[in-house]
C-alpha atoms as a PDB file:
ATOM      1  CA  MET A   1       0.007   0.292   0.026  1.00  0.00           C
ATOM      2  CA  GLY A   2       1.360   3.352  -1.046  1.00  0.00           C
ATOM      3  CA  SER A   3       1.245   6.036   1.512  1.00  0.00           C
ATOM      4  CA  GLY A   4       0.168  10.342   1.378  1.00  0.00           C
ATOM      5  CA  GLY A   5      -1.581  10.765  -2.477  1.00  0.00           C
ATOM      6  CA  SER A   6      -4.514  12.195  -3.445  1.00  0.00           C
ATOM      7  CA  ALA A   7      -8.175  11.145  -2.071  1.00  0.00           C
ATOM      8  CA  MET A   8      -8.895  10.477  -5.329  1.00  0.00           C
ATOM      9  CA  MET A   9      -8.133   7.371  -6.872  1.00  0.00           C
ATOM     10  CA  THR A  10      -7.883   6.769 -10.882  1.00  0.00           C
ATOM     11  CA  LEU A  11      -8.685   2.823 -11.520  1.00  0.00           C
ATOM     12  CA  SER A  12      -7.145   1.647 -14.412  1.00  0.00           C
ATOM     13  CA  MET A  13      -9.780  -0.117 -17.128  1.00  0.00           C
ATOM     14  CA  PRO A  14      -9.092  -3.740 -16.189  1.00  0.00           C
ATOM     15  CA  GLU A  15     -10.007  -2.721 -12.270  1.00  0.00           C
ATOM     16  CA  GLN A  16     -12.876  -0.565 -13.272  1.00  0.00           C
ATOM     17  CA  ASN A  17     -14.154  -3.226 -15.325  1.00  0.00           C
ATOM     18  CA  VAL A  18     -13.493  -5.532 -12.142  1.00  0.00           C
ATOM     19  CA  GLU A  19     -15.328  -3.338 -10.124  1.00  0.00           C
ATOM     20  CA  ILE A  20     -18.361  -3.261 -12.091  1.00  0.00           C
ATOM     21  CA  VAL A  21     -18.494  -7.124 -12.505  1.00  0.00           C
ATOM     22  CA  LEU A  22     -18.424  -7.359  -8.442  1.00  0.00           C
ATOM     23  CA  GLU A  23     -20.770  -4.672  -8.348  1.00  0.00           C
ATOM     24  CA  SER A  24     -23.727  -6.834 -10.282  1.00  0.00           C
ATOM     25  CA  PHE A  25     -22.748  -9.611  -8.039  1.00  0.00           C
ATOM     26  CA  ARG A  26     -23.262  -7.725  -4.711  1.00  0.00           C
ATOM     27  CA  ARG A  27     -26.122  -6.074  -6.050  1.00  0.00           C
ATOM     28  CA  PHE A  28     -27.835 -10.046  -7.546  1.00  0.00           C
ATOM     29  CA  ASP A  29     -26.294 -11.164  -4.085  1.00  0.00           C
ATOM     30  CA  ASP A  30     -28.539  -8.115  -2.448  1.00  0.00           C
ATOM     31  CA  ASN A  31     -31.490  -8.825  -4.499  1.00  0.00           C
ATOM     32  CA  ASN A  32     -31.364  -5.360  -5.667  1.00  0.00           C
ATOM     33  CA  LEU A  33     -32.035  -6.453  -9.565  1.00  0.00           C
ATOM     34  CA  GLU A  34     -33.587  -2.722  -9.817  1.00  0.00           C
ATOM     35  CA  ALA A  35     -30.169  -1.219  -9.212  1.00  0.00           C
ATOM     36  CA  ALA A  36     -28.188  -4.192 -10.691  1.00  0.00           C
ATOM     37  CA  GLU A  37     -29.626  -2.971 -14.381  1.00  0.00           C
ATOM     38  CA  GLU A  38     -28.167   0.259 -14.379  1.00  0.00           C
ATOM     39  CA  LEU A  39     -24.873  -1.559 -14.545  1.00  0.00           C
ATOM     40  CA  TRP A  40     -25.753  -3.635 -17.647  1.00  0.00           C
ATOM     41  CA  SER A  41     -26.020  -2.312 -21.186  1.00  0.00           C
ATOM     42  CA  PRO A  42     -29.581  -2.136 -23.116  1.00  0.00           C
ATOM     43  CA  GLN A  43     -27.989  -4.617 -25.848  1.00  0.00           C
ATOM     44  CA  ALA A  44     -26.739  -7.024 -23.048  1.00  0.00           C
ATOM     45  CA  ARG A  45     -26.479 -10.746 -24.252  1.00  0.00           C
ATOM     46  CA  VAL A  46     -25.729 -13.471 -21.518  1.00  0.00           C
ATOM     47  CA  ALA A  47     -25.384 -17.073 -22.516  1.00  0.00           C
ATOM     48  CA  ALA A  48     -26.156 -19.910 -19.985  1.00  0.00           C
ATOM     49  CA  PRO A  49     -23.627 -22.609 -19.043  1.00  0.00           C
ATOM     50  CA  ASP A  50     -24.197 -26.273 -21.283  1.00  0.00           C
ATOM     51  CA  GLY A  51     -26.976 -28.154 -19.773  1.00  0.00           C
ATOM     52  CA  TRP A  52     -28.886 -25.209 -18.487  1.00  0.00           C
ATOM     53  CA  PRO A  53     -32.659 -25.437 -18.947  1.00  0.00           C
ATOM     54  CA  GLU A  54     -32.872 -22.084 -20.410  1.00  0.00           C
ATOM     55  CA  PRO A  55     -30.095 -22.351 -22.841  1.00  0.00           C
ATOM     56  CA  GLY A  56     -30.557 -18.974 -24.567  1.00  0.00           C
ATOM     57  CA  PRO A  57     -28.874 -17.048 -24.986  1.00  0.00           C
ATOM     58  CA  VAL A  58     -31.101 -13.959 -23.632  1.00  0.00           C
ATOM     59  CA  GLU A  59     -30.711 -10.897 -25.008  1.00  0.00           C
ATOM     60  CA  GLY A  60     -31.082  -7.461 -24.114  1.00  0.00           C
ATOM     61  CA  ARG A  61     -30.830  -5.900 -20.467  1.00  0.00           C
ATOM     62  CA  ASP A  62     -34.576  -6.355 -19.583  1.00  0.00           C
ATOM     63  CA  ALA A  63     -34.591 -10.091 -20.799  1.00  0.00           C
ATOM     64  CA  VAL A  64     -30.919 -10.540 -18.735  1.00  0.00           C
ATOM     65  CA  MET A  65     -33.002  -9.016 -15.798  1.00  0.00           C
ATOM     66  CA  ARG A  66     -36.123 -10.739 -16.185  1.00  0.00           C
ATOM     67  CA  GLN A  67     -33.667 -14.182 -16.596  1.00  0.00           C
ATOM     68  CA  PHE A  68     -31.576 -12.870 -13.116  1.00  0.00           C
ATOM     69  CA  GLU A  69     -35.284 -12.177 -11.269  1.00  0.00           C
ATOM     70  CA  ARG A  70     -36.322 -16.133 -12.233  1.00  0.00           C
ATOM     71  CA  LEU A  71     -33.168 -17.302 -10.544  1.00  0.00           C
ATOM     72  CA  ARG A  72     -33.558 -15.378  -7.345  1.00  0.00           C
ATOM     73  CA  ALA A  73     -37.090 -15.992  -7.421  1.00  0.00           C
ATOM     74  CA  ASP A  74     -37.022 -19.645  -6.043  1.00  0.00           C
ATOM     75  CA  ALA A  75     -34.159 -18.592  -3.071  1.00  0.00           C
ATOM     76  CA  ALA A  76     -35.672 -17.813   0.503  1.00  0.00           C
ATOM     77  CA  GLN A  77     -31.485 -17.319   1.815  1.00  0.00           C
ATOM     78  CA  SER A  78     -28.794 -17.057  -0.939  1.00  0.00           C
ATOM     79  CA  ARG A  79     -24.835 -15.815  -0.750  1.00  0.00           C
ATOM     80  CA  ILE A  80     -22.414 -15.587  -3.687  1.00  0.00           C
ATOM     81  CA  GLU A  81     -18.808 -16.285  -2.949  1.00  0.00           C
ATOM     82  CA  VAL A  82     -16.453 -14.282  -6.026  1.00  0.00           C
ATOM     83  CA  GLU A  83     -12.683 -14.642  -6.854  1.00  0.00           C
ATOM     84  CA  VAL A  84     -11.235 -12.416  -9.691  1.00  0.00           C
ATOM     85  CA  LEU A  85      -9.477 -15.012 -12.394  1.00  0.00           C
ATOM     86  CA  GLU A  86      -8.078 -12.723 -14.554  1.00  0.00           C
ATOM     87  CA  ALA A  87      -9.282  -9.201 -15.972  1.00  0.00           C
ATOM     88  CA  GLY A  88      -8.090  -7.713 -19.509  1.00  0.00           C
ATOM     89  CA  ASP A  89      -9.057  -4.319 -21.227  1.00  0.00           C
ATOM     90  CA  GLU A  90     -12.830  -5.765 -21.866  1.00  0.00           C
ATOM     91  CA  TRP A  91     -12.602  -8.786 -20.621  1.00  0.00           C
ATOM     92  CA  VAL A  92     -13.518  -9.882 -16.473  1.00  0.00           C
ATOM     93  CA  VAL A  93     -13.457 -13.901 -15.578  1.00  0.00           C
ATOM     94  CA  VAL A  94     -14.759 -14.857 -12.489  1.00  0.00           C
ATOM     95  CA  ALA A  95     -15.214 -18.107 -10.491  1.00  0.00           C
ATOM     96  CA  PHE A  96     -18.698 -18.033  -8.225  1.00  0.00           C
ATOM     97  CA  ARG A  97     -19.919 -20.503  -5.549  1.00  0.00           C
ATOM     98  CA  TRP A  98     -23.948 -19.663  -4.786  1.00  0.00           C
ATOM     99  CA  TYR A  99     -25.483 -20.969  -1.865  1.00  0.00           C
ATOM    100  CA  VAL A 100     -28.955 -21.261  -2.097  1.00  0.00           C
ATOM    101  CA  THR A 101     -32.424 -22.412   0.293  1.00  0.00           C
ATOM    102  CA  GLY A 102     -35.048 -23.119  -1.503  1.00  0.00           C
ATOM    103  CA  ALA A 103     -38.072 -20.437  -0.868  1.00  0.00           C
ATOM    104  CA  ARG A 104     -40.430 -23.592  -0.584  1.00  0.00           C
ATOM    105  CA  SER A 105     -38.578 -26.737  -0.190  1.00  0.00           C
ATOM    106  CA  GLY A 106     -35.778 -25.230   2.327  1.00  0.00           C
ATOM    107  CA  ILE A 107     -32.937 -27.608   0.882  1.00  0.00           C
ATOM    108  CA  GLU A 108     -29.721 -25.649   1.071  1.00  0.00           C
ATOM    109  CA  THR A 109     -27.776 -26.385  -2.548  1.00  0.00           C
ATOM    110  CA  VAL A 110     -24.680 -24.594  -3.893  1.00  0.00           C
ATOM    111  CA  MET A 111     -23.617 -24.109  -7.363  1.00  0.00           C
ATOM    112  CA  ASP A 112     -20.202 -23.769  -8.569  1.00  0.00           C
ATOM    113  CA  GLY A 113     -19.508 -22.088 -11.660  1.00  0.00           C
ATOM    114  CA  ALA A 114     -17.299 -19.548 -13.595  1.00  0.00           C
ATOM    115  CA  ALA A 115     -18.096 -16.254 -16.236  1.00  0.00           C
ATOM    116  CA  ALA A 116     -16.781 -14.166 -18.502  1.00  0.00           C
ATOM    117  CA  PHE A 117     -17.988 -10.972 -18.780  1.00  0.00           C
ATOM    118  CA  ARG A 118     -17.232  -7.911 -21.531  1.00  0.00           C
ATOM    119  CA  VAL A 119     -17.454  -4.138 -20.078  1.00  0.00           C
ATOM    120  CA  VAL A 120     -17.598  -1.775 -22.423  1.00  0.00           C
ATOM    121  CA  ASP A 121     -18.242   2.116 -21.646  1.00  0.00           C
ATOM    122  CA  ASP A 122     -18.956   0.821 -17.997  1.00  0.00           C
ATOM    123  CA  GLN A 123     -21.496  -1.430 -18.473  1.00  0.00           C
ATOM    124  CA  ILE A 124     -21.505  -5.198 -19.048  1.00  0.00           C
ATOM    125  CA  SER A 125     -22.548  -5.881 -22.638  1.00  0.00           C
ATOM    126  CA  GLU A 126     -21.563  -9.976 -22.551  1.00  0.00           C
ATOM    127  CA  GLY A 127     -21.951 -12.673 -19.798  1.00  0.00           C
ATOM    128  CA  HIS A 128     -20.715 -15.989 -20.626  1.00  0.00           C
ATOM    129  CA  TYR A 129     -21.761 -18.817 -17.923  1.00  0.00           C
ATOM    130  CA  LYS A 130     -19.561 -22.070 -17.652  1.00  0.00           C
ATOM    131  CA  TRP A 131     -19.041 -24.423 -15.272  1.00  0.00           C
ATOM    132  CA  ASP A 132     -15.556 -24.733 -15.912  1.00  0.00           C
ATOM    133  CA  PRO A 133     -13.184 -22.080 -14.657  1.00  0.00           C
ATOM    134  CA  ALA A 134     -10.849 -22.543 -18.036  1.00  0.00           C
ATOM    135  CA  ASP A 135     -13.652 -22.374 -20.508  1.00  0.00           C
ATOM    136  CA  ALA A 136     -14.726 -19.298 -19.167  1.00  0.00           C
ATOM    137  CA  LEU A 137     -11.091 -17.809 -19.389  1.00  0.00           C
ATOM    138  CA  GLY A 138     -11.344 -19.499 -23.342  1.00  0.00           C
ATOM    139  CA  VAL A 139     -14.118 -17.080 -24.320  1.00  0.00           C
ATOM    140  CA  ALA A 140     -12.043 -14.078 -22.920  1.00  0.00           C
ATOM    141  CA  GLY A 141      -9.344 -15.346 -24.956  1.00  0.00           C
ATOM    142  CA  LEU A 142      -7.261 -15.199 -21.271  1.00  0.00           C
ATOM    143  CA  ARG A 143      -5.615 -18.618 -19.890  1.00  0.00           C
ATOM    144  CA  LYS A 144      -4.232 -18.527 -17.018  1.00  0.00           C
ATOM    145  CA  GLN A 145      -0.503 -20.250 -17.459  1.00  0.00           C
ATOM    146  CA  PRO A 146       0.087 -23.725 -16.417  1.00  0.00           C
ATOM    147  CA  GLY A 147       0.866 -24.238 -12.342  1.00  0.00           C
ATOM    148  CA  GLY A 148       0.028 -20.067 -11.951  1.00  0.00           C
ATOM    149  CA  ASN A 149       3.419 -19.052 -13.311  1.00  0.00           C
ATOM    150  CA  ALA A 150       3.262 -15.793 -15.650  1.00  0.00           C
END
């Protein structure tokens, strides 16, 4: 951590895009989809992971928000943990773990996944959800080096 400096911090494009993606997850987690909507482009496009009941793609911000509402509708409780895997100029790739308790059933479940998000003009324009983080990295053209080496 640096010392001194200005009270205002300027984030690089990848850092700013990471914050936009993480804020979208926070708003989803808080069930504040109305606030999440402003983080998504009106022309947003979301692709579900292979085998998802509603394969999509989902096109347009309104349709994306309706899909998120459906995901939240059956959850009495929900918590998401997100880890940023990589970030490039326009792409942010995350792995996530979603803890959900069913509203009617009370059944607790955990879902692991990954996603690649393209951020353009401070809004998420694409979201590609995958089961395997390597697949999400591939969508974004960002591959981790084997063994974690740079």
